[in-house]
Amino acid sequence: MNLTITDAASSFYINEIPLKEGDTLRLFVRVGGIGSGGFSVGVIKELPQKTSYIVTKQGVHFFVNEDDFWYIDGMTIHFDEDMGYLEFISPKFEQIDHPDFEDE
């Protein structure tokens, strides 16, 4: 399991939730959607399990439970401050945004 959370993303979560040093935040996957489906990454303040994968940034422990390893493995979470947008970048998924449909 590998997960990268940039400093900008951890600062975003810390300020928005808000979080303090020593807090734990679970990253989890919500599967669903129309058509071919999809998923989104949610967050909740919880305690990690013994088998959780943990990344510590700025004193906060971000973690993923085993059920979500496949989706989140290799992902980079970044906050683009100029756009005010969280980015979830994964080499497993070519298209993570809604596709643009062109008129035929």
N, C-alpha and C. Protein backbone atom coordinates (compact mmCIF):
# COMPACT_ATOMS: atom_id res chain seq x y z
N MET A 1 0.86 -1.18 0.00
CA MET A 1 0.00 0.00 0.00
C MET A 1 0.90 1.24 0.00
N ASN A 2 0.56 2.18 -0.87
CA ASN A 2 1.31 3.42 -0.96
C ASN A 2 0.32 4.57 -1.16
N LEU A 3 0.46 5.62 -0.37
CA LEU A 3 -0.41 6.79 -0.46
C LEU A 3 0.43 8.02 -0.20
N THR A 4 0.27 9.02 -1.07
CA THR A 4 0.96 10.29 -0.88
C THR A 4 -0.07 11.38 -0.61
N ILE A 5 0.11 12.09 0.48
CA ILE A 5 -0.72 13.24 0.79
C ILE A 5 0.22 14.44 0.81
N THR A 6 0.00 15.38 -0.08
CA THR A 6 0.89 16.53 -0.14
C THR A 6 0.66 17.44 1.07
N ASP A 7 1.64 18.30 1.31
CA ASP A 7 1.51 19.27 2.41
C ASP A 7 0.28 20.15 2.22
N ALA A 8 0.02 20.54 0.97
CA ALA A 8 -1.14 21.39 0.68
C ALA A 8 -2.44 20.67 1.02
N ALA A 9 -2.53 19.36 0.71
CA ALA A 9 -3.74 18.59 1.01
C ALA A 9 -3.91 18.41 2.51
N SER A 10 -2.83 18.08 3.21
CA SER A 10 -2.96 17.91 4.66
C SER A 10 -3.34 19.22 5.33
N SER A 11 -2.78 20.34 4.87
CA SER A 11 -3.16 21.65 5.43
C SER A 11 -4.64 21.94 5.18
N PHE A 12 -5.13 21.58 3.99
CA PHE A 12 -6.54 21.78 3.67
C PHE A 12 -7.42 21.03 4.67
N TYR A 13 -7.15 19.73 4.86
CA TYR A 13 -7.95 18.93 5.79
C TYR A 13 -7.85 19.48 7.22
N ILE A 14 -6.64 19.82 7.64
CA ILE A 14 -6.42 20.32 9.00
C ILE A 14 -7.21 21.59 9.25
N ASN A 15 -7.23 22.49 8.29
CA ASN A 15 -7.94 23.76 8.46
C ASN A 15 -9.45 23.65 8.27
N GLU A 16 -9.90 22.79 7.38
CA GLU A 16 -11.33 22.70 7.07
C GLU A 16 -12.12 21.89 8.09
N ILE A 17 -11.52 20.87 8.69
CA ILE A 17 -12.32 19.96 9.53
C ILE A 17 -12.62 20.53 10.91
N PRO A 18 -11.90 21.16 11.67
CA PRO A 18 -10.45 21.28 11.79
C PRO A 18 -9.86 20.09 12.56
N LEU A 19 -8.56 19.89 12.37
CA LEU A 19 -7.83 18.82 13.04
C LEU A 19 -6.68 19.41 13.84
N LYS A 20 -6.28 18.67 14.86
CA LYS A 20 -5.12 19.10 15.65
C LYS A 20 -4.12 17.96 15.70
N GLU A 21 -2.92 18.26 16.16
CA GLU A 21 -1.87 17.26 16.23
C GLU A 21 -2.35 16.04 17.03
N GLY A 22 -2.10 14.86 16.48
CA GLY A 22 -2.49 13.61 17.12
C GLY A 22 -3.84 13.08 16.66
N ASP A 23 -4.65 13.90 15.95
CA ASP A 23 -5.94 13.43 15.44
C ASP A 23 -5.73 12.38 14.36
N THR A 24 -6.74 11.55 14.16
CA THR A 24 -6.71 10.53 13.12
C THR A 24 -7.89 10.75 12.19
N LEU A 25 -7.63 10.61 10.90
CA LEU A 25 -8.65 10.83 9.88
C LEU A 25 -8.62 9.66 8.90
N ARG A 26 -9.75 8.99 8.79
CA ARG A 26 -9.86 7.84 7.89
C ARG A 26 -10.26 8.31 6.49
N LEU A 27 -9.54 7.84 5.49
CA LEU A 27 -9.88 8.04 4.09
C LEU A 27 -10.56 6.76 3.63
N PHE A 28 -11.77 6.89 3.08
CA PHE A 28 -12.49 5.69 2.66
C PHE A 28 -13.12 5.91 1.30
N VAL A 29 -13.51 4.82 0.67
CA VAL A 29 -14.07 4.87 -0.67
C VAL A 29 -15.58 4.66 -0.60
N ARG A 30 -16.28 5.52 -1.35
CA ARG A 30 -17.73 5.36 -1.53
C ARG A 30 -17.93 4.99 -3.00
N VAL A 31 -18.41 3.77 -3.23
CA VAL A 31 -18.59 3.27 -4.59
C VAL A 31 -20.03 3.53 -5.01
N GLY A 32 -20.21 3.95 -6.25
CA GLY A 32 -21.55 4.17 -6.78
C GLY A 32 -21.50 5.08 -7.97
N GLY A 33 -22.63 5.39 -8.47
CA GLY A 33 -22.69 6.30 -9.62
C GLY A 33 -23.58 5.75 -10.71
N ILE A 34 -23.82 6.58 -11.69
CA ILE A 34 -24.69 6.24 -12.80
C ILE A 34 -23.86 5.68 -13.93
N GLY A 35 -24.43 4.79 -14.69
CA GLY A 35 -23.73 4.22 -15.84
C GLY A 35 -22.70 3.21 -15.40
N SER A 36 -21.46 3.49 -15.71
CA SER A 36 -20.39 2.54 -15.38
C SER A 36 -19.96 2.62 -13.93
N GLY A 37 -20.61 3.49 -13.17
CA GLY A 37 -20.28 3.61 -11.76
C GLY A 37 -19.07 4.49 -11.54
N GLY A 38 -18.56 4.46 -10.37
CA GLY A 38 -17.42 5.28 -10.01
C GLY A 38 -17.24 5.24 -8.51
N PHE A 39 -16.34 6.07 -8.03
CA PHE A 39 -16.14 6.14 -6.59
C PHE A 39 -15.65 7.51 -6.21
N SER A 40 -15.82 7.82 -4.94
CA SER A 40 -15.28 9.06 -4.39
C SER A 40 -14.57 8.71 -3.08
N VAL A 41 -13.69 9.58 -2.67
CA VAL A 41 -12.96 9.37 -1.42
C VAL A 41 -13.56 10.27 -0.36
N GLY A 42 -14.04 9.64 0.72
CA GLY A 42 -14.61 10.38 1.84
C GLY A 42 -13.63 10.39 3.00
N VAL A 43 -13.93 11.21 3.99
CA VAL A 43 -13.11 11.28 5.20
C VAL A 43 -14.01 11.27 6.43
N ILE A 44 -13.50 10.68 7.51
CA ILE A 44 -14.23 10.66 8.78
C ILE A 44 -13.20 10.54 9.91
N LYS A 45 -13.47 11.22 11.00
CA LYS A 45 -12.58 11.09 12.17
C LYS A 45 -12.91 9.77 12.86
N GLU A 46 -11.96 8.87 12.85
CA GLU A 46 -12.08 7.55 13.49
C GLU A 46 -10.70 7.13 13.98
N LEU A 47 -10.68 6.01 14.67
CA LEU A 47 -9.41 5.41 15.09
C LEU A 47 -9.02 4.31 14.12
N PRO A 48 -7.73 4.19 13.79
CA PRO A 48 -7.30 3.15 12.86
C PRO A 48 -7.42 1.76 13.48
N GLN A 49 -7.50 0.76 12.59
CA GLN A 49 -7.48 -0.64 12.99
C GLN A 49 -6.02 -1.09 13.01
N LYS A 50 -5.79 -2.27 13.55
CA LYS A 50 -4.42 -2.80 13.61
C LYS A 50 -3.81 -2.96 12.22
N THR A 51 -4.65 -3.22 11.22
CA THR A 51 -4.15 -3.47 9.86
C THR A 51 -4.23 -2.23 8.96
N SER A 52 -4.57 -1.08 9.50
CA SER A 52 -4.70 0.14 8.70
C SER A 52 -3.33 0.61 8.21
N TYR A 53 -3.33 1.21 7.04
CA TYR A 53 -2.14 1.86 6.50
C TYR A 53 -2.20 3.32 6.94
N ILE A 54 -1.14 3.83 7.56
CA ILE A 54 -1.15 5.17 8.15
C ILE A 54 -0.07 6.05 7.53
N VAL A 55 -0.46 7.27 7.18
CA VAL A 55 0.47 8.29 6.71
C VAL A 55 0.33 9.47 7.68
N THR A 56 1.43 9.92 8.26
CA THR A 56 1.39 11.04 9.19
C THR A 56 1.93 12.29 8.50
N LYS A 57 1.13 13.33 8.50
CA LYS A 57 1.50 14.62 7.91
C LYS A 57 1.13 15.71 8.89
N GLN A 58 2.07 16.58 9.19
CA GLN A 58 1.85 17.73 10.06
C GLN A 58 1.20 17.31 11.38
N GLY A 59 1.61 16.14 11.90
CA GLY A 59 1.13 15.67 13.19
C GLY A 59 -0.22 14.99 13.17
N VAL A 60 -0.87 14.92 12.01
CA VAL A 60 -2.17 14.25 11.87
C VAL A 60 -1.95 12.91 11.18
N HIS A 61 -2.65 11.88 11.65
CA HIS A 61 -2.53 10.53 11.11
C HIS A 61 -3.69 10.26 10.15
N PHE A 62 -3.39 10.21 8.87
CA PHE A 62 -4.35 9.86 7.83
C PHE A 62 -4.23 8.36 7.62
N PHE A 63 -5.36 7.64 7.58
CA PHE A 63 -5.25 6.20 7.43
C PHE A 63 -6.30 5.63 6.50
N VAL A 64 -5.98 4.42 5.98
CA VAL A 64 -6.85 3.69 5.09
C VAL A 64 -7.00 2.28 5.64
N ASN A 65 -8.23 1.78 5.71
CA ASN A 65 -8.47 0.41 6.14
C ASN A 65 -8.35 -0.54 4.94
N GLU A 66 -8.13 -1.81 5.23
CA GLU A 66 -7.88 -2.82 4.21
C GLU A 66 -8.92 -2.87 3.10
N ASP A 67 -10.19 -2.67 3.41
CA ASP A 67 -11.25 -2.74 2.40
C ASP A 67 -11.03 -1.74 1.27
N ASP A 68 -10.30 -0.67 1.54
CA ASP A 68 -10.12 0.39 0.55
C ASP A 68 -8.71 0.44 -0.04
N PHE A 69 -7.85 -0.51 0.32
CA PHE A 69 -6.47 -0.51 -0.16
C PHE A 69 -6.41 -0.47 -1.69
N TRP A 70 -7.19 -1.34 -2.37
CA TRP A 70 -7.08 -1.46 -3.82
C TRP A 70 -7.35 -0.13 -4.51
N TYR A 71 -8.37 0.58 -4.06
CA TYR A 71 -8.74 1.85 -4.70
C TYR A 71 -7.71 2.95 -4.45
N ILE A 72 -7.18 3.01 -3.25
CA ILE A 72 -6.35 4.14 -2.84
C ILE A 72 -4.85 3.88 -3.03
N ASP A 73 -4.46 2.62 -3.20
CA ASP A 73 -3.05 2.30 -3.37
C ASP A 73 -2.46 3.04 -4.57
N GLY A 74 -1.35 3.75 -4.37
CA GLY A 74 -0.68 4.49 -5.42
C GLY A 74 -1.22 5.90 -5.64
N MET A 75 -2.25 6.28 -4.89
CA MET A 75 -2.90 7.57 -5.09
C MET A 75 -2.10 8.70 -4.45
N THR A 76 -2.16 9.86 -5.09
CA THR A 76 -1.64 11.10 -4.53
C THR A 76 -2.83 12.03 -4.33
N ILE A 77 -2.94 12.58 -3.13
CA ILE A 77 -3.99 13.55 -2.83
C ILE A 77 -3.32 14.91 -2.69
N HIS A 78 -3.77 15.85 -3.50
CA HIS A 78 -3.16 17.18 -3.54
C HIS A 78 -4.26 18.24 -3.53
N PHE A 79 -4.01 19.35 -2.87
CA PHE A 79 -4.93 20.49 -2.90
C PHE A 79 -4.33 21.58 -3.74
N ASP A 80 -5.01 21.94 -4.83
CA ASP A 80 -4.59 23.03 -5.69
C ASP A 80 -5.15 24.32 -5.11
N GLU A 81 -4.28 25.10 -4.49
CA GLU A 81 -4.72 26.31 -3.79
C GLU A 81 -5.28 27.35 -4.75
N ASP A 82 -4.72 27.45 -5.94
CA ASP A 82 -5.21 28.43 -6.91
C ASP A 82 -6.64 28.12 -7.36
N MET A 83 -6.94 26.84 -7.54
CA MET A 83 -8.27 26.43 -8.00
C MET A 83 -9.22 26.13 -6.84
N GLY A 84 -8.68 25.96 -5.62
CA GLY A 84 -9.51 25.59 -4.48
C GLY A 84 -10.10 24.20 -4.66
N TYR A 85 -9.27 23.27 -5.14
CA TYR A 85 -9.75 21.97 -5.59
C TYR A 85 -8.84 20.86 -5.08
N LEU A 86 -9.44 19.82 -4.46
CA LEU A 86 -8.70 18.62 -4.07
C LEU A 86 -8.56 17.73 -5.29
N GLU A 87 -7.34 17.27 -5.55
CA GLU A 87 -7.07 16.38 -6.67
C GLU A 87 -6.73 15.00 -6.15
N PHE A 88 -7.33 13.98 -6.75
CA PHE A 88 -7.04 12.59 -6.42
C PHE A 88 -6.43 11.97 -7.67
N ILE A 89 -5.11 11.79 -7.64
CA ILE A 89 -4.37 11.35 -8.81
C ILE A 89 -3.95 9.90 -8.58
N SER A 90 -4.33 9.03 -9.53
CA SER A 90 -4.00 7.62 -9.39
C SER A 90 -3.59 7.04 -10.74
N PRO A 91 -2.47 6.32 -10.77
CA PRO A 91 -2.06 5.68 -12.03
C PRO A 91 -2.99 4.54 -12.45
N LYS A 92 -3.82 4.04 -11.55
CA LYS A 92 -4.75 2.95 -11.87
C LYS A 92 -5.92 3.42 -12.72
N PHE A 93 -6.24 4.69 -12.63
CA PHE A 93 -7.44 5.20 -13.28
C PHE A 93 -7.07 6.33 -14.23
N GLU A 94 -7.29 6.10 -15.53
CA GLU A 94 -6.97 7.13 -16.52
C GLU A 94 -7.88 8.34 -16.37
N GLN A 95 -9.16 8.10 -16.18
CA GLN A 95 -10.15 9.18 -16.13
C GLN A 95 -10.82 9.16 -14.77
N ILE A 96 -10.59 10.21 -13.98
CA ILE A 96 -11.26 10.25 -12.69
C ILE A 96 -12.31 11.35 -12.63
N ASP A 97 -12.34 12.21 -13.64
CA ASP A 97 -13.38 13.21 -13.74
C ASP A 97 -14.45 12.72 -14.71
N HIS A 98 -15.57 13.41 -14.78
CA HIS A 98 -16.60 13.05 -15.74
C HIS A 98 -16.07 13.29 -17.15
N PRO A 99 -16.29 12.34 -18.05
CA PRO A 99 -15.79 12.53 -19.42
C PRO A 99 -16.57 13.62 -20.15
N ASP A 100 -15.90 14.26 -21.06
CA ASP A 100 -16.57 15.23 -21.93
C ASP A 100 -17.14 14.48 -23.12
N PHE A 101 -18.43 14.59 -23.34
CA PHE A 101 -19.06 13.93 -24.46
C PHE A 101 -19.17 14.92 -25.61
N GLU A 102 -18.74 14.49 -26.79
CA GLU A 102 -18.81 15.34 -27.96
C GLU A 102 -20.00 14.92 -28.82
N ASP A 103 -20.62 15.88 -29.46
CA ASP A 103 -21.73 15.58 -30.38
C ASP A 103 -21.17 14.87 -31.60
N GLU A 104 -21.85 13.84 -32.02
CA GLU A 104 -21.38 13.10 -33.20
C GLU A 104 -22.05 13.62 -34.45
